C-alpha atoms as a PDB file:
ATOM      1  CA  MET A   1      52.999  81.422  66.981  1.00  0.00           C
ATOM      2  CA  ALA A   2      53.388  77.733  67.803  1.00  0.00           C
ATOM      3  CA  ALA A   3      49.744  77.614  68.842  1.00  0.00           C
ATOM      4  CA  ALA A   4      48.700  79.194  65.552  1.00  0.00           C
ATOM      5  CA  PHE A   5      50.793  76.675  63.648  1.00  0.00           C
ATOM      6  CA  SER A   6      49.250  73.825  65.614  1.00  0.00           C
ATOM      7  CA  THR A   7      45.725  75.137  64.997  1.00  0.00           C
ATOM      8  CA  SER A   8      46.457  75.527  61.287  1.00  0.00           C
ATOM      9  CA  SER A   9      47.835  71.974  61.077  1.00  0.00           C
ATOM     10  CA  LEU A  10      44.820  70.585  62.912  1.00  0.00           C
ATOM     11  CA  ALA A  11      42.437  72.461  60.609  1.00  0.00           C
ATOM     12  CA  LYS A  12      44.273  71.141  57.542  1.00  0.00           C
ATOM     13  CA  TRP A  13      44.166  67.613  58.971  1.00  0.00           C
ATOM     14  CA  GLY A  14      40.425  67.975  59.532  1.00  0.00           C
ATOM     15  CA  GLN A  15      39.905  69.110  55.955  1.00  0.00           C
ATOM     16  CA  ARG A  16      41.855  66.143  54.620  1.00  0.00           C
ATOM     17  CA  LEU A  17      39.926  63.790  56.886  1.00  0.00           C
ATOM     18  CA  LEU A  18      36.668  65.178  55.478  1.00  0.00           C
ATOM     19  CA  ALA A  19      38.061  64.674  51.975  1.00  0.00           C
ATOM     20  CA  ALA A  20      38.796  61.041  52.887  1.00  0.00           C
ATOM     21  CA  VAL A  21      35.205  60.566  54.064  1.00  0.00           C
ATOM     22  CA  LEU A  22      33.907  62.015  50.800  1.00  0.00           C
ATOM     23  CA  LEU A  23      36.302  59.792  48.853  1.00  0.00           C
ATOM     24  CA  GLY A  24      34.912  56.787  50.714  1.00  0.00           C
ATOM     25  CA  GLY A  25      31.437  57.748  49.525  1.00  0.00           C
ATOM     26  CA  GLN A  26      32.705  58.062  45.962  1.00  0.00           C
ATOM     27  CA  VAL A  27      34.286  54.619  46.180  1.00  0.00           C
ATOM     28  CA  ILE A  28      30.963  53.075  47.206  1.00  0.00           C
ATOM     29  CA  VAL A  29      29.132  54.760  44.325  1.00  0.00           C
ATOM     30  CA  HIS A  30      31.796  53.878  41.761  1.00  0.00           C
ATOM     31  CA  LEU A  31      31.960  50.292  42.975  1.00  0.00           C
ATOM     32  CA  VAL A  32      28.302  49.882  42.059  1.00  0.00           C
ATOM     33  CA  THR A  33      28.143  51.976  38.896  1.00  0.00           C
ATOM     34  CA  ARG A  34      31.547  51.779  37.192  1.00  0.00           C
ATOM     35  CA  PRO A  35      33.520  48.923  35.585  1.00  0.00           C
ATOM     36  CA  LEU A  36      36.548  47.654  37.473  1.00  0.00           C
ATOM     37  CA  HIS A  37      40.109  48.070  36.193  1.00  0.00           C
ATOM     38  CA  ARG A  38      41.069  44.424  36.610  1.00  0.00           C
ATOM     39  CA  ARG A  39      44.752  44.745  35.747  1.00  0.00           C
ATOM     40  CA  ASN A  40      45.299  47.492  38.303  1.00  0.00           C
ATOM     41  CA  THR A  41      43.351  45.538  40.900  1.00  0.00           C
ATOM     42  CA  ILE A  42      45.448  42.390  40.403  1.00  0.00           C
ATOM     43  CA  GLU A  43      48.668  44.412  40.635  1.00  0.00           C
ATOM     44  CA  GLN A  44      47.530  46.013  43.885  1.00  0.00           C
ATOM     45  CA  MET A  45      46.431  42.658  45.302  1.00  0.00           C
ATOM     46  CA  ALA A  46      49.944  41.349  44.667  1.00  0.00           C
ATOM     47  CA  ALA A  47      51.442  44.370  46.420  1.00  0.00           C
ATOM     48  CA  VAL A  48      49.151  44.077  49.437  1.00  0.00           C
ATOM     49  CA  GLY A  49      49.100  40.284  49.788  1.00  0.00           C
ATOM     50  CA  PRO A  50      52.143  38.243  48.703  1.00  0.00           C
ATOM     51  CA  GLU A  51      54.631  41.094  49.167  1.00  0.00           C
ATOM     52  CA  SER A  52      53.438  41.655  52.747  1.00  0.00           C
ATOM     53  CA  LEU A  53      53.216  37.981  53.667  1.00  0.00           C
ATOM     54  CA  LEU A  54      56.677  37.409  55.149  1.00  0.00           C
ATOM     55  CA  ILE A  55      56.698  40.359  57.553  1.00  0.00           C
ATOM     56  CA  THR A  56      53.132  39.549  58.602  1.00  0.00           C
ATOM     57  CA  LEU A  57      53.912  35.926  59.429  1.00  0.00           C
ATOM     58  CA  VAL A  58      57.139  36.739  61.262  1.00  0.00           C
ATOM     59  CA  THR A  59      55.347  39.329  63.377  1.00  0.00           C
ATOM     60  CA  ALA A  60      52.454  36.986  64.142  1.00  0.00           C
ATOM     61  CA  SER A  61      54.719  34.115  65.152  1.00  0.00           C
ATOM     62  CA  PHE A  62      56.716  36.169  67.632  1.00  0.00           C
ATOM     63  CA  VAL A  63      53.609  37.870  69.025  1.00  0.00           C
ATOM     64  CA  GLY A  64      52.054  34.450  69.622  1.00  0.00           C
ATOM     65  CA  MET A  65      55.203  33.185  71.318  1.00  0.00           C
ATOM     66  CA  VAL A  66      55.634  36.269  73.518  1.00  0.00           C
ATOM     67  CA  PHE A  67      51.979  36.246  74.560  1.00  0.00           C
ATOM     68  CA  THR A  68      52.237  32.557  75.442  1.00  0.00           C
ATOM     69  CA  ILE A  69      55.365  33.089  77.535  1.00  0.00           C
ATOM     70  CA  GLN A  70      53.706  35.913  79.469  1.00  0.00           C
ATOM     71  CA  VAL A  71      50.432  34.097  80.106  1.00  0.00           C
ATOM     72  CA  THR A  72      51.325  30.421  80.545  1.00  0.00           C
ATOM     73  CA  ARG A  73      53.380  30.760  83.717  1.00  0.00           C
ATOM     74  CA  GLU A  74      50.590  32.681  85.447  1.00  0.00           C
ATOM     75  CA  PHE A  75      48.001  30.161  84.316  1.00  0.00           C
ATOM     76  CA  ILE A  76      50.129  27.308  85.649  1.00  0.00           C
ATOM     77  CA  ASN A  77      50.374  29.064  89.035  1.00  0.00           C
ATOM     78  CA  PHE A  78      46.568  29.267  89.151  1.00  0.00           C
ATOM     79  CA  GLY A  79      46.159  25.661  88.025  1.00  0.00           C
ATOM     80  CA  ALA A  80      44.606  26.643  84.698  1.00  0.00           C
ATOM     81  CA  SER A  81      47.271  25.423  82.287  1.00  0.00           C
ATOM     82  CA  THR A  82      44.634  23.679  80.166  1.00  0.00           C
ATOM     83  CA  ALA A  83      43.147  27.057  79.242  1.00  0.00           C
ATOM     84  CA  VAL A  84      46.273  28.496  77.615  1.00  0.00           C
ATOM     85  CA  GLY A  85      45.400  27.406  74.079  1.00  0.00           C
ATOM     86  CA  GLY A  86      41.872  28.754  74.322  1.00  0.00           C
ATOM     87  CA  VAL A  87      42.930  32.133  75.685  1.00  0.00           C
ATOM     88  CA  LEU A  88      45.572  32.529  72.977  1.00  0.00           C
ATOM     89  CA  ALA A  89      43.090  31.519  70.271  1.00  0.00           C
ATOM     90  CA  LEU A  90      40.473  34.021  71.463  1.00  0.00           C
ATOM     91  CA  THR A  91      43.010  36.819  71.795  1.00  0.00           C
ATOM     92  CA  LEU A  92      44.480  36.220  68.358  1.00  0.00           C
ATOM     93  CA  ALA A  93      41.153  35.783  66.589  1.00  0.00           C
ATOM     94  CA  ARG A  94      39.327  38.685  68.185  1.00  0.00           C
ATOM     95  CA  GLU A  95      42.080  41.286  68.487  1.00  0.00           C
ATOM     96  CA  LEU A  96      45.742  40.563  67.854  1.00  0.00           C
ATOM     97  CA  ALA A  97      45.568  38.983  64.387  1.00  0.00           C
ATOM     98  CA  PRO A  98      43.281  41.549  62.688  1.00  0.00           C
ATOM     99  CA  VAL A  99      44.703  44.602  64.454  1.00  0.00           C
ATOM    100  CA  LEU A 100      48.397  43.764  64.145  1.00  0.00           C
ATOM    101  CA  THR A 101      47.981  42.732  60.517  1.00  0.00           C
ATOM    102  CA  ALA A 102      46.194  46.011  59.803  1.00  0.00           C
ATOM    103  CA  VAL A 103      48.961  47.962  61.541  1.00  0.00           C
ATOM    104  CA  ILE A 104      51.589  46.240  59.389  1.00  0.00           C
ATOM    105  CA  ILE A 105      49.635  46.917  56.202  1.00  0.00           C
ATOM    106  CA  ALA A 106      49.043  50.540  57.207  1.00  0.00           C
ATOM    107  CA  GLY A 107      52.766  51.061  57.686  1.00  0.00           C
ATOM    108  CA  ARG A 108      53.875  49.199  54.610  1.00  0.00           C
ATOM    109  CA  VAL A 109      51.072  49.576  52.070  1.00  0.00           C
ATOM    110  CA  GLY A 110      49.160  52.649  53.258  1.00  0.00           C
ATOM    111  CA  SER A 111      52.333  54.712  53.205  1.00  0.00           C
ATOM    112  CA  ALA A 112      53.121  53.427  49.707  1.00  0.00           C
ATOM    113  CA  PHE A 113      49.663  54.445  48.495  1.00  0.00           C
ATOM    114  CA  ALA A 114      50.051  57.954  49.895  1.00  0.00           C
ATOM    115  CA  ALA A 115      53.563  58.368  48.498  1.00  0.00           C
ATOM    116  CA  GLU A 116      52.767  57.002  45.043  1.00  0.00           C
ATOM    117  CA  ILE A 117      49.537  58.929  44.499  1.00  0.00           C
ATOM    118  CA  GLY A 118      51.012  62.021  46.185  1.00  0.00           C
ATOM    119  CA  THR A 119      53.920  61.976  43.747  1.00  0.00           C
ATOM    120  CA  MET A 120      51.468  61.660  40.866  1.00  0.00           C
ATOM    121  CA  GLN A 121      49.514  64.600  42.257  1.00  0.00           C
ATOM    122  CA  VAL A 122      52.447  67.013  42.623  1.00  0.00           C
ATOM    123  CA  THR A 123      53.852  66.042  39.217  1.00  0.00           C
ATOM    124  CA  GLU A 124      50.427  66.671  37.613  1.00  0.00           C
ATOM    125  CA  GLN A 125      49.966  63.072  36.492  1.00  0.00           C
ATOM    126  CA  ILE A 126      46.484  63.108  38.071  1.00  0.00           C
ATOM    127  CA  ASP A 127      45.584  66.069  35.854  1.00  0.00           C
ATOM    128  CA  ALA A 128      46.888  64.137  32.852  1.00  0.00           C
ATOM    129  CA  LEU A 129      44.586  61.227  33.713  1.00  0.00           C
ATOM    130  CA  GLN A 130      41.624  63.566  33.830  1.00  0.00           C
ATOM    131  CA  LEU A 131      42.582  65.064  30.461  1.00  0.00           C
ATOM    132  CA  LEU A 132      42.538  61.522  29.083  1.00  0.00           C
ATOM    133  CA  LYS A 133      39.012  61.173  30.526  1.00  0.00           C
ATOM    134  CA  THR A 134      40.161  58.629  33.110  1.00  0.00           C
ATOM    135  CA  ASP A 135      38.628  59.024  36.544  1.00  0.00           C
ATOM    136  CA  PRO A 136      41.373  58.821  39.239  1.00  0.00           C
ATOM    137  CA  VAL A 137      38.919  57.195  41.636  1.00  0.00           C
ATOM    138  CA  ASP A 138      38.217  54.388  39.176  1.00  0.00           C
ATOM    139  CA  TYR A 139      41.810  53.986  38.030  1.00  0.00           C
ATOM    140  CA  LEU A 140      43.776  54.549  41.245  1.00  0.00           C
ATOM    141  CA  VAL A 141      41.602  54.392  44.338  1.00  0.00           C
ATOM    142  CA  LEU A 142      39.053  51.650  43.716  1.00  0.00           C
ATOM    143  CA  PRO A 143      41.620  48.927  42.814  1.00  0.00           C
ATOM    144  CA  ARG A 144      43.531  49.714  46.008  1.00  0.00           C
ATOM    145  CA  VAL A 145      40.425  49.544  48.167  1.00  0.00           C
ATOM    146  CA  ILE A 146      39.361  46.207  46.680  1.00  0.00           C
ATOM    147  CA  ALA A 147      42.887  44.808  46.994  1.00  0.00           C
ATOM    148  CA  CYS A 148      43.118  45.712  50.691  1.00  0.00           C
ATOM    149  CA  ALA A 149      39.583  44.504  51.424  1.00  0.00           C
ATOM    150  CA  LEU A 150      40.328  41.104  49.837  1.00  0.00           C
ATOM    151  CA  MET A 151      43.926  40.536  50.930  1.00  0.00           C
ATOM    152  CA  LEU A 152      43.739  41.693  54.538  1.00  0.00           C
ATOM    153  CA  PRO A 153      41.327  38.916  55.646  1.00  0.00           C
ATOM    154  CA  LEU A 154      43.595  36.291  54.058  1.00  0.00           C
ATOM    155  CA  LEU A 155      46.639  37.735  55.794  1.00  0.00           C
ATOM    156  CA  THR A 156      44.699  37.798  59.062  1.00  0.00           C
ATOM    157  CA  ILE A 157      43.828  34.104  58.823  1.00  0.00           C
ATOM    158  CA  LEU A 158      47.465  33.259  58.102  1.00  0.00           C
ATOM    159  CA  SER A 159      48.519  35.455  61.034  1.00  0.00           C
ATOM    160  CA  PHE A 160      46.121  33.603  63.301  1.00  0.00           C
ATOM    161  CA  ILE A 161      47.447  30.201  62.213  1.00  0.00           C
ATOM    162  CA  THR A 162      51.066  31.330  62.567  1.00  0.00           C
ATOM    163  CA  GLY A 163      50.459  32.894  65.976  1.00  0.00           C
ATOM    164  CA  MET A 164      48.794  29.707  67.213  1.00  0.00           C
ATOM    165  CA  THR A 165      51.700  27.660  65.870  1.00  0.00           C
ATOM    166  CA  GLY A 166      54.166  29.867  67.720  1.00  0.00           C
ATOM    167  CA  GLY A 167      52.168  29.538  70.932  1.00  0.00           C
ATOM    168  CA  LEU A 168      51.945  25.776  70.517  1.00  0.00           C
ATOM    169  CA  LEU A 169      55.704  25.564  70.056  1.00  0.00           C
ATOM    170  CA  ILE A 170      56.325  27.476  73.284  1.00  0.00           C
ATOM    171  CA  THR A 171      53.832  25.519  75.408  1.00  0.00           C
ATOM    172  CA  THR A 172      55.138  22.132  74.273  1.00  0.00           C
ATOM    173  CA  THR A 173      58.856  22.909  74.521  1.00  0.00           C
ATOM    174  CA  MET A 174      59.066  25.271  77.501  1.00  0.00           C
ATOM    175  CA  PHE A 175      56.081  24.375  79.693  1.00  0.00           C
ATOM    176  CA  ASN A 176      55.520  20.688  78.889  1.00  0.00           C
ATOM    177  CA  ILE A 177      51.862  21.188  77.972  1.00  0.00           C
ATOM    178  CA  SER A 178      50.838  18.562  75.445  1.00  0.00           C
ATOM    179  CA  GLN A 179      49.754  19.465  71.939  1.00  0.00           C
ATOM    180  CA  THR A 180      46.411  17.725  72.468  1.00  0.00           C
ATOM    181  CA  VAL A 181      45.593  19.786  75.570  1.00  0.00           C
ATOM    182  CA  PHE A 182      46.525  23.013  73.784  1.00  0.00           C
ATOM    183  CA  LEU A 183      44.433  22.323  70.685  1.00  0.00           C
ATOM    184  CA  ASP A 184      41.449  20.941  72.614  1.00  0.00           C
ATOM    185  CA  SER A 185      41.436  24.101  74.710  1.00  0.00           C
ATOM    186  CA  ALA A 186      41.439  26.259  71.563  1.00  0.00           C
ATOM    187  CA  ARG A 187      38.525  24.301  70.074  1.00  0.00           C
ATOM    188  CA  LEU A 188      36.579  24.544  73.329  1.00  0.00           C
ATOM    189  CA  PHE A 189      36.999  28.296  73.756  1.00  0.00           C
ATOM    190  CA  MET A 190      36.552  29.408  70.153  1.00  0.00           C
ATOM    191  CA  SER A 191      33.436  29.632  68.021  1.00  0.00           C
ATOM    192  CA  VAL A 192      32.924  30.281  64.323  1.00  0.00           C
ATOM    193  CA  TRP A 193      31.839  33.831  65.153  1.00  0.00           C
ATOM    194  CA  ASP A 194      35.313  34.638  66.491  1.00  0.00           C
ATOM    195  CA  LEU A 195      36.848  33.989  63.077  1.00  0.00           C
ATOM    196  CA  VAL A 196      33.968  35.724  61.284  1.00  0.00           C
ATOM    197  CA  SER A 197      34.474  38.804  63.458  1.00  0.00           C
ATOM    198  CA  ALA A 198      38.173  38.816  62.539  1.00  0.00           C
ATOM    199  CA  MET A 199      37.243  38.748  58.836  1.00  0.00           C
ATOM    200  CA  ILE A 200      34.766  41.598  59.245  1.00  0.00           C
ATOM    201  CA  LYS A 201      37.325  43.696  61.083  1.00  0.00           C
ATOM    202  CA  SER A 202      39.947  42.973  58.431  1.00  0.00           C
ATOM    203  CA  VAL A 203      37.691  44.090  55.588  1.00  0.00           C
ATOM    204  CA  VAL A 204      36.862  47.336  57.407  1.00  0.00           C
ATOM    205  CA  PHE A 205      40.500  47.992  58.278  1.00  0.00           C
ATOM    206  CA  GLY A 206      41.578  47.295  54.712  1.00  0.00           C
ATOM    207  CA  CYS A 207      39.085  49.790  53.322  1.00  0.00           C
ATOM    208  CA  LEU A 208      40.174  52.421  55.851  1.00  0.00           C
ATOM    209  CA  ILE A 209      43.860  51.982  55.037  1.00  0.00           C
ATOM    210  CA  ALA A 210      43.319  52.215  51.274  1.00  0.00           C
ATOM    211  CA  ILE A 211      40.940  55.175  51.414  1.00  0.00           C
ATOM    212  CA  ILE A 212      43.068  57.184  53.844  1.00  0.00           C
ATOM    213  CA  GLY A 213      46.301  56.493  51.966  1.00  0.00           C
ATOM    214  CA  SER A 214      44.733  57.341  48.614  1.00  0.00           C
ATOM    215  CA  SER A 215      42.959  60.445  49.912  1.00  0.00           C
ATOM    216  CA  TRP A 216      46.094  61.826  51.528  1.00  0.00           C
ATOM    217  CA  GLY A 217      47.903  61.228  48.254  1.00  0.00           C
ATOM    218  CA  LEU A 218      45.250  63.015  46.196  1.00  0.00           C
ATOM    219  CA  THR A 219      45.319  66.048  48.512  1.00  0.00           C
ATOM    220  CA  THR A 220      49.130  66.366  48.530  1.00  0.00           C
ATOM    221  CA  THR A 221      50.638  69.781  47.814  1.00  0.00           C
ATOM    222  CA  GLY A 222      54.094  71.284  48.127  1.00  0.00           C
ATOM    223  CA  GLY A 223      56.349  69.058  46.056  1.00  0.00           C
ATOM    224  CA  ALA A 224      58.662  66.445  47.558  1.00  0.00           C
ATOM    225  CA  LYS A 225      58.303  67.847  51.075  1.00  0.00           C
ATOM    226  CA  GLY A 226      54.535  67.616  50.799  1.00  0.00           C
ATOM    227  CA  VAL A 227      54.776  63.986  49.678  1.00  0.00           C
ATOM    228  CA  GLY A 228      56.824  63.118  52.752  1.00  0.00           C
ATOM    229  CA  GLN A 229      54.401  64.916  55.060  1.00  0.00           C
ATOM    230  CA  SER A 230      51.403  63.246  53.423  1.00  0.00           C
ATOM    231  CA  THR A 231      52.971  59.805  53.780  1.00  0.00           C
ATOM    232  CA  THR A 232      53.675  60.273  57.487  1.00  0.00           C
ATOM    233  CA  THR A 233      50.292  61.802  58.250  1.00  0.00           C
ATOM    234  CA  ALA A 234      48.454  59.127  56.272  1.00  0.00           C
ATOM    235  CA  VAL A 235      50.042  56.339  58.329  1.00  0.00           C
ATOM    236  CA  VAL A 236      49.299  58.085  61.633  1.00  0.00           C
ATOM    237  CA  THR A 237      45.704  58.752  60.598  1.00  0.00           C
ATOM    238  CA  ALA A 238      45.229  55.166  59.414  1.00  0.00           C
ATOM    239  CA  LEU A 239      46.530  53.837  62.732  1.00  0.00           C
ATOM    240  CA  LEU A 240      44.182  56.095  64.676  1.00  0.00           C
ATOM    241  CA  ALA A 241      41.291  54.997  62.469  1.00  0.00           C
ATOM    242  CA  ILE A 242      42.152  51.332  63.018  1.00  0.00           C
ATOM    243  CA  PHE A 243      42.310  51.608  66.803  1.00  0.00           C
ATOM    244  CA  ILE A 244      39.158  53.723  67.128  1.00  0.00           C
ATOM    245  CA  THR A 245      37.177  51.570  64.701  1.00  0.00           C
ATOM    246  CA  ASN A 246      38.393  48.429  66.449  1.00  0.00           C
ATOM    247  CA  PHE A 247      36.885  49.663  69.704  1.00  0.00           C
ATOM    248  CA  PHE A 248      33.464  50.238  68.191  1.00  0.00           C
ATOM    249  CA  LEU A 249      33.500  46.989  66.217  1.00  0.00           C
ATOM    250  CA  SER A 250      34.500  45.021  69.325  1.00  0.00           C
ATOM    251  CA  TRP A 251      31.784  46.752  71.321  1.00  0.00           C
ATOM    252  CA  LEU A 252      29.158  45.877  68.721  1.00  0.00           C
ATOM    253  CA  MET A 253      30.336  42.303  68.161  1.00  0.00           C
ATOM    254  CA  PHE A 254      31.013  41.196  71.728  1.00  0.00           C
ATOM    255  CA  GLN A 255      28.834  43.448  73.867  1.00  0.00           C
ATOM    256  CA  SER A 256      26.259  40.714  74.462  1.00  0.00           C
ATOM    257  CA  SER A 257      29.004  38.301  75.613  1.00  0.00           C
ATOM    258  CA  ALA A 258      30.252  40.838  78.123  1.00  0.00           C
ATOM    259  CA  LEU A 259      26.739  41.468  79.455  1.00  0.00           C
ATOM    260  CA  ASN A 260      26.095  37.744  79.814  1.00  0.00           C
ATOM    261  CA  PHE A 261      29.357  37.350  81.660  1.00  0.00           C
END
């Protein structure tokens, strides 16, 4: 019986994942062919960006400090203390800043999307929109996708700066590495492509979070219990999508560097 329940849940999850893929296709078509609801888009941008700023910066600062503590002592033992800033910069730009920011947004914003749209679905507000000849994709989904795609790169850049600041604070106060050495190392190791890759990842992650959260909301059934289940499953699915997509994006963006090395 447990196996049957598990199989049924997996099949339902697969159906909802397919619905999310189809919704993504609709978003692309509507983005090109339909007018944008500007007011909704601005409201969603405020929810994704400014309202998520504090938790994003706090997380980034402590991640940068913890990473620096773990790495610096080992680098000093190997006589490579001048490389600390560069290693932290590469790690933050290529992986930690975009991925951790996306994880925070998936937990905070993606869950809100699923809960809000799911509540509208079970209370038949989506049907009311359709009766008023308002397309839910145009009115609800597209503004959320645009908001996440625009705000996530900005949050990622701020996360990178904050993480580097936290690392700089630790190296100068705990390990007596000068600020000049730290920053020169970061400039030496990094290239413009590292920041561009972070922006590309952030846009992709933002679209995934918005589409998955919205799709899970639109396919919610079962009243309040269904809303709770949709919210939880949407966050888990968004996290899986972020991690899997991050692997393929990293492979495509940095494969040549690995081969050259």
